[in-house]
Protein backbone atom coordinates (compact mmCIF):
# COMPACT_ATOMS: atom_id res chain seq x y z
CA MET A 1 0.00 0.00 0.00
CA ASN A 2 1.39 3.41 -0.98
CA MET A 3 1.40 6.29 1.45
CA PRO A 4 2.40 9.42 -0.49
CA PHE A 5 3.39 12.42 1.56
CA ASN A 6 4.48 16.01 0.98
CA MET A 7 7.33 17.78 2.80
CA HIS A 8 6.72 21.48 3.53
CA THR A 9 8.94 24.39 4.48
CA SER A 10 6.09 26.87 4.95
CA ILE A 11 2.54 26.68 6.31
CA LEU A 12 -0.12 27.29 3.63
CA THR A 13 -3.52 27.87 5.25
CA ASN A 14 -5.81 28.66 2.30
CA GLY A 15 -7.89 30.50 4.92
CA THR A 16 -9.04 27.26 6.60
CA GLU A 17 -7.12 27.53 9.88
CA LYS A 18 -9.07 27.57 13.15
CA ARG A 19 -7.97 29.45 16.24
CA LEU A 20 -7.75 27.22 19.31
CA GLU A 21 -6.70 29.82 21.88
CA GLY A 22 -4.37 32.80 21.92
CA ASN A 23 -1.96 32.46 19.02
CA THR A 24 -2.45 28.71 18.55
CA PHE A 25 -4.16 27.46 15.39
CA LYS A 26 -5.24 24.09 13.97
CA LEU A 27 -5.19 23.32 10.26
CA GLU A 28 -6.58 20.16 8.63
CA LEU A 29 -5.14 19.12 5.28
CA GLU A 30 -6.09 16.36 2.83
CA GLY A 31 -3.37 13.72 2.47
CA TYR A 32 -0.22 13.21 4.49
CA HIS A 33 2.00 16.24 5.03
CA LEU A 34 5.32 16.48 6.86
CA TYR A 35 6.58 19.61 8.64
CA VAL A 36 9.62 20.24 10.81
CA LEU A 37 8.54 20.48 14.46
CA ASN A 38 9.56 23.45 16.63
CA ASN A 39 11.06 25.30 13.67
CA ILE A 40 9.99 28.81 12.61
CA GLN A 41 8.31 28.76 9.17
CA ASN A 42 6.51 31.33 7.02
CA VAL A 43 2.70 31.30 7.26
CA GLN A 44 0.92 32.13 3.98
CA LYS A 45 -2.69 32.06 2.84
CA THR A 46 -1.75 30.73 -0.61
CA GLU A 47 1.40 29.59 -2.36
CA LYS A 48 1.62 32.85 -4.32
CA SER A 49 0.76 35.28 -1.49
CA GLN A 50 3.24 37.13 0.65
CA PRO A 51 3.90 35.62 4.11
CA SER A 52 1.45 36.99 6.68
CA GLY A 53 3.65 35.93 9.58
CA LYS A 54 5.82 33.23 11.04
CA GLY A 55 4.66 30.13 12.86
CA LYS A 56 6.10 27.23 14.82
CA VAL A 57 4.61 23.76 14.26
CA ILE A 58 3.97 22.18 17.66
CA GLU A 59 1.98 19.04 16.77
CA ILE A 60 1.20 16.86 13.74
CA ASN A 61 -1.40 14.06 13.62
CA TRP A 62 -2.02 11.76 10.66
CA LYS A 63 -5.26 9.81 10.40
CA GLU A 64 -7.48 8.51 7.60
CA ASN A 65 -5.57 10.27 4.81
CA LYS A 66 -5.65 13.64 6.62
CA THR A 67 -3.07 15.71 8.44
CA GLN A 68 -3.98 17.78 11.49
CA LEU A 69 -1.38 20.46 12.08
CA THR A 70 -1.23 22.58 15.23
CA TYR A 71 0.97 25.66 15.07
CA GLU A 72 1.68 28.75 17.12
CA LEU A 73 1.82 32.13 15.37
CA VAL A 74 4.99 33.77 16.72
CA ASP A 75 5.23 36.83 14.44
CA LEU A 76 2.47 38.65 12.54
CA HIS A 77 3.50 40.80 9.55
CA ASN A 78 0.09 42.34 8.90
CA VAL A 79 -3.55 41.80 9.84
CA ASN A 80 -4.88 41.19 6.31
C-alpha cells in the first residue's frame, strides 16, 4: 500500500485555519504532510501570497488520509 506524503517548508492555510486559543491554530489538510517540528516557518494564505507571519509547528497528527497540524503564530507581519 502506498502512502504518499508532501514535505513542507512553509505553512499554507488557504484561509481554513481555526484558532484554538491565543496564538495557537489548527489546520486540517487532505493527504499526508510532513513539517519540521519546533522550527519557525513562514505562514501564507496561498502559495503565491506574501507571508502573513511566522509560525512554529507544535503538533502533527495523521489519520485517515488527513493531516492535522497545530501551530503557534509567533510573528504577525500584517492583519490582512
